[in-house]
Amino acid sequence: MARSESPPCDPRLFEAQPGSPTFRLADTTTGATLVTLTGFDDGTWIAITADAFWTGSEKACQRLAFFRGDRPLPEADLDARRQPDRIRALLPGQL
């Protein structure tokens, strides 16, 4: 009989606050936030990385704005930072 081995442990951790629609995926070795995810009452969602790359459901994306100081970034900059594949790569395979 072949010996089965456990898959390597994923060093990431989800952290959530009770009653909050937001939780974060952090690297447990460094404590660095990898992705912050927020779900809204209407079922929409947004995921944002620490370096401001993002993705989300279409309706939720209408709520999103990035600022540099007190100035909003142009929509073209916001669109360029929408990177679903980059977010997906940070999420555990079970999601």
Protein backbone atom coordinates (compact mmCIF):
# COMPACT_ATOMS: atom_id res chain seq x y z
CA MET A 1 0.00 0.00 0.00
CA ALA A 2 1.39 3.39 -0.96
CA ARG A 3 1.93 5.89 1.78
CA SER A 4 -0.22 8.99 1.37
CA GLU A 5 1.28 12.36 2.10
CA SER A 6 -0.49 15.53 3.07
CA PRO A 7 -0.28 18.40 0.61
CA PRO A 8 2.05 21.19 1.68
CA CYS A 9 0.47 23.65 4.09
CA ASP A 10 -0.68 26.90 2.54
CA PRO A 11 0.96 29.69 4.59
CA ARG A 12 -1.99 32.03 4.06
CA LEU A 13 -4.74 32.82 6.50
CA PHE A 14 -8.18 34.39 6.24
CA GLU A 15 -8.98 36.94 8.90
CA ALA A 16 -12.48 38.29 9.46
CA GLN A 17 -14.20 40.48 12.01
CA PRO A 18 -17.60 39.27 13.25
CA GLY A 19 -20.38 41.26 11.61
CA SER A 20 -18.07 42.79 8.99
CA PRO A 21 -18.49 42.11 5.27
CA THR A 22 -14.73 42.47 4.81
CA PHE A 23 -12.00 39.91 5.39
CA ARG A 24 -8.37 39.66 4.43
CA LEU A 25 -6.06 36.97 3.18
CA ALA A 26 -2.68 37.37 4.87
CA ASP A 27 0.68 35.65 4.66
CA THR A 28 1.10 34.08 8.08
CA THR A 29 4.88 34.18 7.90
CA THR A 30 5.08 37.94 7.34
CA GLY A 31 1.63 39.19 8.37
CA ALA A 32 1.38 41.05 5.06
CA THR A 33 -2.10 41.45 3.61
CA LEU A 34 -2.30 39.75 0.21
CA VAL A 35 -5.94 40.48 -0.68
CA THR A 36 -8.80 42.29 1.06
CA LEU A 37 -12.24 41.06 0.02
CA THR A 38 -15.53 42.84 0.68
CA GLY A 39 -19.01 41.51 0.03
CA PHE A 40 -22.05 43.76 -0.08
CA ASP A 41 -25.67 43.09 0.91
CA ASP A 42 -26.75 42.86 -2.73
CA GLY A 43 -24.36 39.94 -3.37
CA THR A 44 -21.72 42.01 -5.16
CA TRP A 45 -18.04 41.93 -4.16
CA ILE A 46 -14.64 43.58 -4.58
CA ALA A 47 -11.13 42.16 -4.02
CA ILE A 48 -8.15 44.54 -3.69
CA THR A 49 -4.45 43.76 -3.26
CA ALA A 50 -2.12 45.75 -1.03
CA ASP A 51 -0.58 47.27 -4.16
CA ALA A 52 -4.01 48.44 -5.43
CA PHE A 53 -4.75 45.84 -8.09
CA TRP A 54 -8.38 44.83 -7.98
CA THR A 55 -11.29 42.90 -9.41
CA GLY A 56 -14.94 42.45 -8.52
CA SER A 57 -18.46 41.97 -9.72
CA GLU A 58 -19.61 44.53 -12.29
CA LYS A 59 -22.12 46.30 -10.04
CA ALA A 60 -19.65 46.55 -7.17
CA CYS A 61 -17.01 48.00 -9.49
CA GLN A 62 -19.26 51.01 -10.03
CA ARG A 63 -18.67 51.84 -6.34
CA LEU A 64 -14.91 51.81 -6.62
CA ALA A 65 -12.60 54.83 -6.75
CA PHE A 66 -8.87 55.12 -6.04
CA PHE A 67 -7.33 58.34 -4.81
CA ARG A 68 -3.80 59.70 -4.82
CA GLY A 69 -3.90 62.18 -1.97
CA ASP A 70 -7.20 64.00 -2.39
CA ARG A 71 -7.41 63.48 -6.16
CA PRO A 72 -9.26 60.56 -7.75
CA LEU A 73 -7.27 58.53 -10.26
CA PRO A 74 -8.49 58.76 -13.86
CA GLU A 75 -10.81 55.98 -14.97
CA ALA A 76 -8.18 54.68 -17.43
CA ASP A 77 -5.77 54.15 -14.51
CA LEU A 78 -8.48 52.37 -12.56
CA ASP A 79 -9.24 50.11 -15.53
CA ALA A 80 -5.54 49.28 -15.99
CA ARG A 81 -5.34 48.15 -12.36
CA ARG A 82 -8.27 45.72 -12.80
CA GLN A 83 -6.37 42.43 -12.86
CA PRO A 84 -8.57 39.41 -12.04
CA ASP A 85 -5.81 36.91 -12.87
CA ARG A 86 -3.45 38.60 -10.43
CA ILE A 87 -6.08 38.34 -7.66
CA ARG A 88 -6.94 34.73 -8.56
CA ALA A 89 -3.27 33.75 -8.27
CA LEU A 90 -3.24 34.92 -4.65
CA LEU A 91 -6.32 32.93 -3.60
CA PRO A 92 -6.15 29.37 -2.32
CA GLY A 93 -7.25 26.76 -4.85
CA GLN A 94 -10.26 25.78 -2.74
CA LEU A 95 -12.03 29.11 -3.32
